[in-house]
């Protein structure tokens, strides 16, 4: 009897729905807890006497927050966007391998540089290159369908910063997967090449962003349909 009740309860709760509503309540009382510090530079600085961190408890870190040098918010988000079929560890190894390839290619370019000025212009931090590449790939506008009088128009809308970052990663993911289907080397090599190209405002992801901007420019006459 107990087992049948357990199975009935499990089957009823097996479907999980994603909530799109805003959070109204938090388990952390703002009078007792404060946000954690995730910056290494901020952690090394002494606290002032009136700093609330001297008197309040610290909230738990989120899954993508960590004050260590080998964790990066953009790279962690890139892993989640590139992930397929829940294989997060495999995706993380591919992304980290791509960053290692970027580091090796930049170091080889640094060795080939003849002058100190050329060496200073070569970025050796793979995380900084990935951040710059995805920043260059962020679109400024997006197209949404708006129906007026029985006709649907493609209306350009501005994109929030978080969504622009996600769209840049999604465009890069789709391009890398398309190249992988054609058998172009390995997934890590493809991603490393695309990151290096995007950091220089080149590559297919930059072209996809520019094409989106051209479509938004062509449909700017429908911008008054936003409201």
Protein backbone atom coordinates (compact mmCIF):
# COMPACT_ATOMS: atom_id res chain seq x y z
CA UNK A 1 0.00 0.00 0.00
CA UNK A 2 2.80 2.39 0.90
CA UNK A 3 4.70 1.57 -2.27
CA UNK A 4 1.63 2.24 -4.46
CA UNK A 5 1.06 5.61 -2.77
CA UNK A 6 4.72 6.49 -3.30
CA UNK A 7 4.52 5.60 -7.00
CA UNK A 8 1.35 7.66 -7.41
CA UNK A 9 2.93 10.67 -5.75
CA UNK A 10 6.12 10.29 -7.79
CA UNK A 11 4.22 10.03 -11.09
CA UNK A 12 2.15 13.11 -10.23
CA UNK A 13 5.25 15.18 -9.48
CA UNK A 14 7.46 13.76 -12.23
CA UNK A 15 6.61 16.57 -14.64
CA UNK A 16 8.52 19.72 -13.82
CA UNK A 17 7.35 23.08 -15.14
CA UNK A 18 9.64 26.08 -15.48
CA UNK A 19 8.35 29.16 -13.72
CA UNK A 20 8.51 32.46 -15.57
CA UNK A 21 7.18 34.61 -12.73
CA UNK A 22 9.36 36.96 -10.72
CA UNK A 23 10.61 36.01 -7.26
CA UNK A 24 8.56 37.71 -4.54
CA UNK A 25 10.08 36.02 -1.49
CA UNK A 26 13.65 35.09 -0.61
CA UNK A 27 14.86 32.65 1.99
CA UNK A 28 17.53 35.17 3.02
CA UNK A 29 16.28 37.95 5.25
CA UNK A 30 17.82 41.22 3.97
CA UNK A 31 18.16 42.36 7.59
CA UNK A 32 20.37 39.37 8.42
CA UNK A 33 22.15 38.43 5.15
CA UNK A 34 24.21 40.29 2.57
CA UNK A 35 25.47 39.35 -0.88
CA UNK A 36 28.76 37.41 -1.14
CA UNK A 37 31.94 38.84 -2.57
CA UNK A 38 33.02 37.07 -5.75
CA UNK A 39 35.85 39.35 -6.87
CA UNK A 40 39.39 38.37 -5.96
CA UNK A 41 40.48 42.02 -5.78
CA UNK A 42 37.61 42.86 -3.42
CA UNK A 43 38.47 39.92 -1.18
CA UNK A 44 42.04 41.14 -0.77
CA UNK A 45 40.96 44.61 0.36
CA UNK A 46 40.32 45.26 4.08
CA UNK A 47 36.75 45.94 5.19
CA UNK A 48 35.73 49.33 6.49
CA UNK A 49 34.30 49.64 9.98
CA UNK A 50 30.78 50.41 8.74
CA UNK A 51 30.78 47.68 6.08
CA UNK A 52 27.63 45.51 6.47
CA UNK A 53 29.71 42.36 5.94
CA UNK A 54 31.13 42.89 9.43
CA UNK A 55 27.72 42.45 11.04
CA UNK A 56 25.59 40.34 8.65
CA UNK A 57 25.68 36.74 7.49
CA UNK A 58 26.83 36.01 3.93
CA UNK A 59 24.49 34.44 1.39
CA UNK A 60 25.52 31.17 -0.24
CA UNK A 61 27.27 31.47 -3.59
CA UNK A 62 25.32 30.62 -6.71
CA UNK A 63 26.41 27.71 -8.88
CA UNK A 64 28.15 30.01 -11.38
CA UNK A 65 29.85 32.21 -8.77
CA UNK A 66 33.27 31.50 -7.35
CA UNK A 67 36.11 33.84 -6.25
CA UNK A 68 38.85 31.77 -7.88
CA UNK A 69 40.93 32.50 -10.95
CA UNK A 70 39.96 29.40 -12.93
CA UNK A 71 36.21 30.14 -12.86
CA UNK A 72 34.67 32.73 -15.12
CA UNK A 73 31.00 33.68 -15.34
CA UNK A 74 31.01 34.01 -19.14
CA UNK A 75 32.80 30.69 -19.63
CA UNK A 76 30.44 28.90 -17.23
CA UNK A 77 27.45 30.32 -19.11
CA UNK A 78 29.05 29.29 -22.40
CA UNK A 79 29.26 25.71 -21.09
CA UNK A 80 25.56 25.73 -20.23
CA UNK A 81 24.59 27.10 -23.65
CA UNK A 82 26.78 24.60 -25.52
CA UNK A 83 25.60 21.67 -23.40
CA UNK A 84 23.61 18.96 -25.21
CA UNK A 85 21.61 16.08 -23.71
CA UNK A 86 22.70 17.07 -20.19
CA UNK A 87 26.37 16.16 -20.81
CA UNK A 88 27.77 19.11 -18.91
CA UNK A 89 31.14 17.63 -17.97
CA UNK A 90 31.87 16.64 -21.57
CA UNK A 91 30.90 20.12 -22.74
CA UNK A 92 33.04 21.71 -20.03
CA UNK A 93 36.06 19.67 -21.13
CA UNK A 94 35.50 20.78 -24.75
CA UNK A 95 35.26 24.45 -23.78
CA UNK A 96 38.34 24.28 -21.53
CA UNK A 97 40.24 22.44 -24.29
CA UNK A 98 39.27 25.22 -26.69
CA UNK A 99 40.60 27.82 -24.25
CA UNK A 100 43.84 25.84 -23.96
CA UNK A 101 44.16 25.84 -27.75
CA UNK A 102 43.58 29.59 -27.77
CA UNK A 103 46.32 29.99 -25.15
CA UNK A 104 48.78 27.87 -27.17
CA UNK A 105 48.09 29.74 -30.42
CA UNK A 106 48.51 33.12 -28.76
CA UNK A 107 51.72 32.00 -27.08
CA UNK A 108 53.12 30.84 -30.42
CA UNK A 109 52.21 34.21 -31.92
CA UNK A 110 53.92 35.89 -28.95
CA UNK A 111 57.10 33.88 -29.59
CA UNK A 112 57.06 34.85 -33.27
CA UNK A 113 56.73 38.56 -32.43
CA UNK A 114 59.96 40.41 -33.15
CA UNK A 115 59.51 43.59 -31.10
CA UNK A 116 58.30 44.26 -27.57
CA UNK A 117 55.45 46.40 -28.91
CA UNK A 118 54.10 43.48 -30.92
CA UNK A 119 54.33 41.21 -27.88
CA UNK A 120 52.41 43.71 -25.74
CA UNK A 121 49.56 43.73 -28.25
CA UNK A 122 49.13 39.94 -28.04
CA UNK A 123 46.67 38.87 -25.35
CA UNK A 124 47.74 35.66 -23.59
CA UNK A 125 44.79 35.32 -21.21
CA UNK A 126 42.35 32.88 -22.84
CA UNK A 127 39.51 33.96 -20.53
CA UNK A 128 39.99 37.60 -21.55
CA UNK A 129 39.92 36.57 -25.23
CA UNK A 130 36.68 34.62 -24.72
CA UNK A 131 35.08 37.54 -22.91
CA UNK A 132 36.11 39.98 -25.65
CA UNK A 133 34.95 37.62 -28.41
CA UNK A 134 31.48 37.16 -26.92
CA UNK A 135 31.24 40.89 -26.21
CA UNK A 136 31.91 41.59 -29.89
CA UNK A 137 29.24 39.06 -30.91
CA UNK A 138 26.45 40.59 -28.83
CA UNK A 139 23.64 41.89 -31.05
CA UNK A 140 22.05 45.24 -30.27
CA UNK A 141 18.60 44.50 -31.69
CA UNK A 142 16.30 41.54 -32.26
CA UNK A 143 13.26 40.87 -34.47
CA UNK A 144 9.92 39.89 -32.96
CA UNK A 145 6.64 39.21 -34.70
CA UNK A 146 3.88 41.73 -33.98
CA UNK A 147 0.40 41.22 -35.46
CA UNK A 148 -1.52 44.30 -36.56
CA UNK A 149 -4.71 44.10 -38.60
CA UNK A 150 -4.28 40.40 -39.34
CA UNK A 151 -0.73 40.93 -40.66
CA UNK A 152 2.40 39.91 -38.76
CA UNK A 153 5.33 42.32 -38.99
CA UNK A 154 8.93 41.72 -38.03
CA UNK A 155 9.57 44.52 -35.56
CA UNK A 156 13.06 45.38 -34.24
CA UNK A 157 13.37 45.52 -30.46
CA UNK A 158 16.36 46.44 -28.27
CA UNK A 159 17.93 43.52 -26.40
CA UNK A 160 18.79 43.49 -22.69
CA UNK A 161 22.42 42.81 -21.82
CA UNK A 162 21.85 39.28 -20.47
CA UNK A 163 19.78 38.25 -23.50
CA UNK A 164 22.33 39.75 -25.89
CA UNK A 165 25.04 37.66 -24.23
CA UNK A 166 22.90 34.54 -24.55
CA UNK A 167 22.11 35.22 -28.22
CA UNK A 168 25.81 35.71 -28.97
CA UNK A 169 26.63 32.33 -27.38
CA UNK A 170 23.72 30.68 -29.16
CA UNK A 171 24.83 31.98 -32.57
CA UNK A 172 28.37 30.77 -31.91
CA UNK A 173 27.05 27.39 -30.75
CA UNK A 174 24.95 26.90 -33.89
CA UNK A 175 27.88 27.85 -36.14
CA UNK A 176 30.27 25.49 -34.32
CA UNK A 177 27.76 22.63 -34.53
CA UNK A 178 27.26 23.29 -38.24
CA UNK A 179 31.02 23.13 -38.80
CA UNK A 180 31.27 19.96 -36.69
CA UNK A 181 28.65 18.23 -38.88
CA UNK A 182 30.82 18.93 -41.91
CA UNK A 183 33.74 17.18 -40.20
CA UNK A 184 36.01 20.19 -39.73
CA UNK A 185 38.60 19.01 -37.16
CA UNK A 186 37.44 18.66 -33.55
CA UNK A 187 34.86 20.63 -31.59
CA UNK A 188 37.56 22.25 -29.43
CA UNK A 189 39.50 23.41 -32.50
CA UNK A 190 36.35 24.82 -34.09
CA UNK A 191 35.40 26.75 -30.95
CA UNK A 192 38.96 28.03 -30.46
CA UNK A 193 39.09 29.29 -34.06
CA UNK A 194 35.73 31.02 -33.71
CA UNK A 195 36.71 32.66 -30.41
CA UNK A 196 39.97 34.00 -31.83
CA UNK A 197 38.21 35.30 -34.94
CA UNK A 198 35.42 36.95 -32.94
CA UNK A 199 37.94 38.65 -30.65
CA UNK A 200 39.23 40.40 -33.79
CA UNK A 201 35.71 41.23 -35.02
CA UNK A 202 35.95 38.53 -37.67
CA UNK A 203 34.42 35.10 -38.25
CA UNK A 204 31.00 33.66 -38.98
CA UNK A 205 29.45 34.70 -35.65
CA UNK A 206 30.28 38.34 -36.35
CA UNK A 207 28.76 37.94 -39.81
CA UNK A 208 25.58 36.46 -38.29
CA UNK A 209 25.32 39.45 -35.94
CA UNK A 210 25.80 41.89 -38.82
CA UNK A 211 23.13 40.11 -40.89
CA UNK A 212 20.71 40.39 -37.98
CA UNK A 213 21.44 44.11 -37.73
CA UNK A 214 20.79 44.50 -41.47
CA UNK A 215 17.42 42.79 -41.11
CA UNK A 216 16.56 45.09 -38.20
CA UNK A 217 17.59 48.09 -40.29
CA UNK A 218 15.44 46.90 -43.19
CA UNK A 219 12.42 46.57 -40.85
CA UNK A 220 12.92 49.82 -38.96
CA UNK A 221 9.78 51.24 -40.59
CA UNK A 222 7.76 48.95 -38.29
CA UNK A 223 9.42 50.17 -35.11
CA UNK A 224 6.30 52.12 -34.13
CA UNK A 225 4.51 48.78 -33.65
CA UNK A 226 6.48 48.10 -30.47
CA UNK A 227 3.79 49.65 -28.30
